[in-house]
């Protein structure tokens, strides 16, 4: 397993990590898939268009509109302030993606990329990348 280190700079932020994931697969040695996993409850990972960086900004904006900060939340005891919306947003994206490999390379579609999704930043974050045989 390889560990990627990320530092986010905004409360809600999508970061294209496709190249870092591919680099972590340098020793894939016949593996058939890559599992990309986020070990955080207020962050996630998704696959979406990476050709246009504005898609990431659109997803950020949509998540803030779909899950409102000003709802009456019950989970409000976090030391950094209420972050219940961050937990819900992370649930919507999920903590992992599984990507098939073709000759050691991510078998993504032409426009696809892997995004780390921050919902409670800025923070230092980890992403785990492992291969399946």
C-alpha atoms as a PDB file:
ATOM      1  CA  UNK A   1       0.000   0.000   0.000  1.00  0.00           C
ATOM      2  CA  UNK A   2       1.183   3.507  -0.840  1.00  0.00           C
ATOM      3  CA  UNK A   3       0.135   6.634   1.052  1.00  0.00           C
ATOM      4  CA  UNK A   4      -0.396   9.988  -0.644  1.00  0.00           C
ATOM      5  CA  UNK A   5      -0.148  13.160   1.455  1.00  0.00           C
ATOM      6  CA  UNK A   6      -2.390  16.096   0.553  1.00  0.00           C
ATOM      7  CA  UNK A   7      -2.829  19.571   1.981  1.00  0.00           C
ATOM      8  CA  UNK A   8      -6.115  21.247   1.159  1.00  0.00           C
ATOM      9  CA  UNK A   9      -6.567  25.008   1.178  1.00  0.00           C
ATOM     10  CA  UNK A  10     -10.354  25.506   1.255  1.00  0.00           C
ATOM     11  CA  UNK A  11     -13.384  24.233   3.180  1.00  0.00           C
ATOM     12  CA  UNK A  12     -14.717  22.454   0.076  1.00  0.00           C
ATOM     13  CA  UNK A  13     -12.170  21.528  -2.569  1.00  0.00           C
ATOM     14  CA  UNK A  14     -11.723  18.914  -5.274  1.00  0.00           C
ATOM     15  CA  UNK A  15      -8.127  18.011  -6.138  1.00  0.00           C
ATOM     16  CA  UNK A  16      -7.229  15.964  -9.214  1.00  0.00           C
ATOM     17  CA  UNK A  17      -4.979  13.192  -7.867  1.00  0.00           C
ATOM     18  CA  UNK A  18      -4.891  11.036 -11.013  1.00  0.00           C
ATOM     19  CA  UNK A  19      -1.169  11.541 -11.692  1.00  0.00           C
ATOM     20  CA  UNK A  20      -0.243  10.876  -8.047  1.00  0.00           C
ATOM     21  CA  UNK A  21      -2.291   7.668  -8.039  1.00  0.00           C
ATOM     22  CA  UNK A  22      -0.668   6.499 -11.288  1.00  0.00           C
ATOM     23  CA  UNK A  23       2.763   7.263  -9.839  1.00  0.00           C
ATOM     24  CA  UNK A  24       1.904   5.198  -6.747  1.00  0.00           C
ATOM     25  CA  UNK A  25       1.237   2.262  -9.091  1.00  0.00           C
ATOM     26  CA  UNK A  26       4.794   2.235 -10.461  1.00  0.00           C
ATOM     27  CA  UNK A  27       5.308  -1.281  -9.090  1.00  0.00           C
ATOM     28  CA  UNK A  28       1.888  -2.696 -10.030  1.00  0.00           C
ATOM     29  CA  UNK A  29       3.521  -5.931 -11.304  1.00  0.00           C
ATOM     30  CA  UNK A  30       0.577  -7.636 -12.954  1.00  0.00           C
ATOM     31  CA  UNK A  31      -2.137  -6.162 -10.731  1.00  0.00           C
ATOM     32  CA  UNK A  32      -5.592  -5.942 -12.283  1.00  0.00           C
ATOM     33  CA  UNK A  33      -7.079  -3.019 -10.327  1.00  0.00           C
ATOM     34  CA  UNK A  34      -6.221  -0.102  -8.071  1.00  0.00           C
ATOM     35  CA  UNK A  35      -8.172   0.723  -4.938  1.00  0.00           C
ATOM     36  CA  UNK A  36      -8.027   4.395  -3.940  1.00  0.00           C
ATOM     37  CA  UNK A  37      -9.259   4.864  -0.369  1.00  0.00           C
ATOM     38  CA  UNK A  38      -9.713   7.965   1.800  1.00  0.00           C
ATOM     39  CA  UNK A  39      -9.464   7.242   5.582  1.00  0.00           C
ATOM     40  CA  UNK A  40     -11.414  10.335   6.650  1.00  0.00           C
ATOM     41  CA  UNK A  41     -15.087  10.872   7.534  1.00  0.00           C
ATOM     42  CA  UNK A  42     -15.293  14.402   6.123  1.00  0.00           C
ATOM     43  CA  UNK A  43     -13.588  13.737   2.783  1.00  0.00           C
ATOM     44  CA  UNK A  44     -14.120  11.387  -0.125  1.00  0.00           C
ATOM     45  CA  UNK A  45     -12.947  10.358  -3.561  1.00  0.00           C
ATOM     46  CA  UNK A  46     -14.717  10.275  -6.911  1.00  0.00           C
ATOM     47  CA  UNK A  47     -14.125   9.893 -10.633  1.00  0.00           C
ATOM     48  CA  UNK A  48     -15.294  12.659 -12.937  1.00  0.00           C
ATOM     49  CA  UNK A  49     -14.190  14.746 -15.892  1.00  0.00           C
ATOM     50  CA  UNK A  50     -10.649  16.031 -15.522  1.00  0.00           C
ATOM     51  CA  UNK A  51     -10.250  17.720 -18.923  1.00  0.00           C
ATOM     52  CA  UNK A  52     -11.918  20.906 -17.682  1.00  0.00           C
ATOM     53  CA  UNK A  53     -10.941  22.059 -14.152  1.00  0.00           C
ATOM     54  CA  UNK A  54     -14.220  23.967 -13.929  1.00  0.00           C
ATOM     55  CA  UNK A  55     -16.035  20.638 -13.477  1.00  0.00           C
ATOM     56  CA  UNK A  56     -14.393  20.297 -10.065  1.00  0.00           C
ATOM     57  CA  UNK A  57     -15.534  23.784  -9.123  1.00  0.00           C
ATOM     58  CA  UNK A  58     -19.065  22.928 -10.263  1.00  0.00           C
ATOM     59  CA  UNK A  59     -19.070  19.824  -8.046  1.00  0.00           C
ATOM     60  CA  UNK A  60     -17.815  21.892  -5.094  1.00  0.00           C
ATOM     61  CA  UNK A  61     -20.604  24.420  -5.614  1.00  0.00           C
ATOM     62  CA  UNK A  62     -23.261  21.754  -6.088  1.00  0.00           C
ATOM     63  CA  UNK A  63     -22.293  19.945  -2.870  1.00  0.00           C
ATOM     64  CA  UNK A  64     -22.627  23.174  -0.916  1.00  0.00           C
ATOM     65  CA  UNK A  65     -26.094  23.701  -2.386  1.00  0.00           C
ATOM     66  CA  UNK A  66     -27.308  20.110  -2.032  1.00  0.00           C
ATOM     67  CA  UNK A  67     -26.234  19.885   1.632  1.00  0.00           C
ATOM     68  CA  UNK A  68     -26.768  23.263   3.301  1.00  0.00           C
ATOM     69  CA  UNK A  69     -24.617  24.547   6.155  1.00  0.00           C
ATOM     70  CA  UNK A  70     -27.572  26.305   7.801  1.00  0.00           C
ATOM     71  CA  UNK A  71     -29.800  23.273   8.326  1.00  0.00           C
ATOM     72  CA  UNK A  72     -30.565  22.281  11.913  1.00  0.00           C
ATOM     73  CA  UNK A  73     -27.769  19.775  12.495  1.00  0.00           C
ATOM     74  CA  UNK A  74     -27.516  17.466  15.513  1.00  0.00           C
ATOM     75  CA  UNK A  75     -23.763  16.733  15.287  1.00  0.00           C
ATOM     76  CA  UNK A  76     -22.363  20.035  16.536  1.00  0.00           C
ATOM     77  CA  UNK A  77     -19.740  18.981  19.102  1.00  0.00           C
ATOM     78  CA  UNK A  78     -16.660  18.973  16.847  1.00  0.00           C
ATOM     79  CA  UNK A  79     -13.806  21.051  18.378  1.00  0.00           C
ATOM     80  CA  UNK A  80     -13.316  22.862  15.045  1.00  0.00           C
ATOM     81  CA  UNK A  81     -16.988  23.826  14.874  1.00  0.00           C
ATOM     82  CA  UNK A  82     -20.093  22.084  13.524  1.00  0.00           C
ATOM     83  CA  UNK A  83     -19.156  19.900  10.569  1.00  0.00           C
ATOM     84  CA  UNK A  84     -22.191  17.671  10.087  1.00  0.00           C
ATOM     85  CA  UNK A  85     -22.635  18.888   6.478  1.00  0.00           C
ATOM     86  CA  UNK A  86     -19.080  17.697   5.758  1.00  0.00           C
ATOM     87  CA  UNK A  87     -19.952  14.192   6.948  1.00  0.00           C
ATOM     88  CA  UNK A  88     -23.050  14.082   4.760  1.00  0.00           C
ATOM     89  CA  UNK A  89     -21.173  15.343   1.692  1.00  0.00           C
ATOM     90  CA  UNK A  90     -18.468  12.719   2.240  1.00  0.00           C
ATOM     91  CA  UNK A  91     -21.160  10.047   2.430  1.00  0.00           C
ATOM     92  CA  UNK A  92     -22.504  11.176  -0.943  1.00  0.00           C
ATOM     93  CA  UNK A  93     -19.139  10.758  -2.669  1.00  0.00           C
ATOM     94  CA  UNK A  94     -17.922   7.756  -0.695  1.00  0.00           C
ATOM     95  CA  UNK A  95     -14.501   6.797   0.653  1.00  0.00           C
ATOM     96  CA  UNK A  96     -13.164   4.706  -2.250  1.00  0.00           C
ATOM     97  CA  UNK A  97     -13.024   4.071  -5.966  1.00  0.00           C
ATOM     98  CA  UNK A  98     -11.871   0.921  -7.740  1.00  0.00           C
ATOM     99  CA  UNK A  99     -10.190   1.394 -11.120  1.00  0.00           C
ATOM    100  CA  UNK A 100      -9.156  -1.432 -13.458  1.00  0.00           C
ATOM    101  CA  UNK A 101      -5.574  -1.461 -14.676  1.00  0.00           C
ATOM    102  CA  UNK A 102      -4.390  -2.090 -18.209  1.00  0.00           C
ATOM    103  CA  UNK A 103      -0.695  -2.943 -18.389  1.00  0.00           C
ATOM    104  CA  UNK A 104      -0.082  -1.125 -15.086  1.00  0.00           C
ATOM    105  CA  UNK A 105      -1.938   2.030 -16.141  1.00  0.00           C
ATOM    106  CA  UNK A 106      -5.258   3.323 -14.833  1.00  0.00           C
ATOM    107  CA  UNK A 107      -7.942   2.278 -17.337  1.00  0.00           C
ATOM    108  CA  UNK A 108      -9.861   5.533 -17.098  1.00  0.00           C
ATOM    109  CA  UNK A 109     -11.997   6.977 -19.867  1.00  0.00           C
ATOM    110  CA  UNK A 110     -10.609   9.697 -22.131  1.00  0.00           C
ATOM    111  CA  UNK A 111     -11.830  12.563 -19.943  1.00  0.00           C
ATOM    112  CA  UNK A 112     -11.881  10.864 -16.548  1.00  0.00           C
ATOM    113  CA  UNK A 113      -9.735  11.711 -13.559  1.00  0.00           C
ATOM    114  CA  UNK A 114      -9.653  10.742  -9.891  1.00  0.00           C
ATOM    115  CA  UNK A 115     -10.551  13.533  -7.471  1.00  0.00           C
ATOM    116  CA  UNK A 116      -9.921  13.830  -3.752  1.00  0.00           C
ATOM    117  CA  UNK A 117     -12.941  15.632  -2.284  1.00  0.00           C
ATOM    118  CA  UNK A 118     -12.357  17.846   0.740  1.00  0.00           C
ATOM    119  CA  UNK A 119     -15.453  18.913   2.693  1.00  0.00           C
ATOM    120  CA  UNK A 120     -13.978  20.122   6.009  1.00  0.00           C
ATOM    121  CA  UNK A 121     -10.770  21.901   5.140  1.00  0.00           C
ATOM    122  CA  UNK A 122      -8.280  23.210   5.070  1.00  0.00           C
ATOM    123  CA  UNK A 123      -6.547  20.120   6.426  1.00  0.00           C
ATOM    124  CA  UNK A 124      -3.667  17.703   5.967  1.00  0.00           C
ATOM    125  CA  UNK A 125      -5.098  14.529   4.433  1.00  0.00           C
ATOM    126  CA  UNK A 126      -4.079  11.026   3.400  1.00  0.00           C
ATOM    127  CA  UNK A 127      -5.110   8.830   0.499  1.00  0.00           C
ATOM    128  CA  UNK A 128      -4.215   5.140   0.378  1.00  0.00           C
ATOM    129  CA  UNK A 129      -3.550   3.416  -2.928  1.00  0.00           C
ATOM    130  CA  UNK A 130      -3.278  -0.345  -3.153  1.00  0.00           C
ATOM    131  CA  UNK A 131      -3.449  -2.894  -5.935  1.00  0.00           C
ATOM    132  CA  UNK A 132      -5.551  -5.996  -6.370  1.00  0.00           C
ATOM    133  CA  UNK A 133      -4.428  -9.083  -8.249  1.00  0.00           C
END
